C-alpha atoms as a PDB file:
ATOM      1  CA  MET A   1      -0.540-112.145   9.721  1.00  0.00           C
ATOM      2  CA  ALA A   2      -3.260-110.503   7.664  1.00  0.00           C
ATOM      3  CA  LYS A   3      -3.743-106.760   7.885  1.00  0.00           C
ATOM      4  CA  SER A   4      -7.072-105.537   9.123  1.00  0.00           C
ATOM      5  CA  PRO A   5      -9.055-103.633   6.471  1.00  0.00           C
ATOM      6  CA  LEU A   6     -10.437-101.414   9.231  1.00  0.00           C
ATOM      7  CA  ALA A   7      -7.082 -99.976  10.305  1.00  0.00           C
ATOM      8  CA  PRO A   8      -6.809 -97.338   7.523  1.00  0.00           C
ATOM      9  CA  ILE A   9     -10.442 -96.344   8.027  1.00  0.00           C
ATOM     10  CA  ILE A  10      -9.974 -95.835  11.767  1.00  0.00           C
ATOM     11  CA  VAL A  11      -6.834 -93.765  11.191  1.00  0.00           C
ATOM     12  CA  LEU A  12      -8.613 -91.575   8.622  1.00  0.00           C
ATOM     13  CA  PHE A  13     -11.658 -91.256  10.870  1.00  0.00           C
ATOM     14  CA  PHE A  14      -9.665 -89.679  13.687  1.00  0.00           C
ATOM     15  CA  LEU A  15      -6.885 -87.987  11.703  1.00  0.00           C
ATOM     16  CA  SER A  16      -9.148 -85.984   9.379  1.00  0.00           C
ATOM     17  CA  PRO A  17     -10.700 -83.720  12.056  1.00  0.00           C
ATOM     18  CA  ILE A  18      -7.251 -83.123  13.545  1.00  0.00           C
ATOM     19  CA  VAL A  19      -5.898 -81.960  10.196  1.00  0.00           C
ATOM     20  CA  GLY A  20      -9.034 -80.026   9.288  1.00  0.00           C
ATOM     21  CA  GLU A  21      -9.579 -78.218  12.560  1.00  0.00           C
ATOM     22  CA  LEU A  22      -6.398 -78.158  14.651  1.00  0.00           C
ATOM     23  CA  LEU A  23      -3.769 -77.623  11.985  1.00  0.00           C
ATOM     24  CA  SER A  24      -5.798 -74.941  10.230  1.00  0.00           C
ATOM     25  CA  GLY A  25      -6.432 -73.149  13.523  1.00  0.00           C
ATOM     26  CA  SER A  26     -10.209 -73.140  13.077  1.00  0.00           C
ATOM     27  CA  SER A  27     -10.890 -74.742  16.434  1.00  0.00           C
ATOM     28  CA  PRO A  28      -9.142 -73.857  19.702  1.00  0.00           C
ATOM     29  CA  THR A  29      -7.319 -76.803  21.253  1.00  0.00           C
ATOM     30  CA  ALA A  30      -9.291 -76.731  24.514  1.00  0.00           C
ATOM     31  CA  GLN A  31     -12.591 -76.728  22.631  1.00  0.00           C
ATOM     32  CA  PHE A  32     -11.491 -79.444  20.204  1.00  0.00           C
ATOM     33  CA  PHE A  33     -10.750 -82.001  22.918  1.00  0.00           C
ATOM     34  CA  GLN A  34     -14.136 -81.709  24.620  1.00  0.00           C
ATOM     35  CA  PRO A  35     -15.822 -85.134  24.202  1.00  0.00           C
ATOM     36  CA  VAL A  36     -18.973 -83.875  22.476  1.00  0.00           C
ATOM     37  CA  VAL A  37     -17.090 -81.629  20.037  1.00  0.00           C
ATOM     38  CA  LEU A  38     -14.527 -84.331  19.293  1.00  0.00           C
ATOM     39  CA  PHE A  39     -17.299 -86.857  18.582  1.00  0.00           C
ATOM     40  CA  LEU A  40     -19.202 -84.482  16.293  1.00  0.00           C
ATOM     41  CA  LEU A  41     -16.107 -83.440  14.351  1.00  0.00           C
ATOM     42  CA  ALA A  42     -14.988 -87.049  13.983  1.00  0.00           C
ATOM     43  CA  GLU A  43     -18.422 -87.902  12.606  1.00  0.00           C
ATOM     44  CA  LEU A  44     -18.415 -84.984  10.163  1.00  0.00           C
ATOM     45  CA  TYR A  45     -14.851 -85.231   8.888  1.00  0.00           C
ATOM     46  CA  GLY A  46     -14.208 -88.915   9.485  1.00  0.00           C
ATOM     47  CA  SER A  47     -17.269 -90.285   7.749  1.00  0.00           C
ATOM     48  CA  GLY A  48     -16.511 -88.290   4.605  1.00  0.00           C
ATOM     49  CA  ALA A  49     -12.850 -89.301   4.596  1.00  0.00           C
ATOM     50  CA  SER A  50     -13.731 -92.951   5.159  1.00  0.00           C
ATOM     51  CA  TRP A  51     -16.288 -92.867   2.390  1.00  0.00           C
ATOM     52  CA  LEU A  52     -13.873 -91.267  -0.071  1.00  0.00           C
ATOM     53  CA  GLU A  53     -11.118 -93.716   0.850  1.00  0.00           C
ATOM     54  CA  ARG A  54     -13.373 -96.601  -0.146  1.00  0.00           C
ATOM     55  CA  LEU A  55     -14.095 -95.187  -3.630  1.00  0.00           C
END
């Protein structure tokens, strides 16, 4: 079975804001899991991480 090339990108897309915001303590947990905030942070952190992973 062939591995999907999108799997690492999806993991990076959602893992990068968790590491950047939650583990550093920059964003409170209740605020982080609001849908709008989660979407914006995933776009900001995830797009950069996905782009760098492809280089």
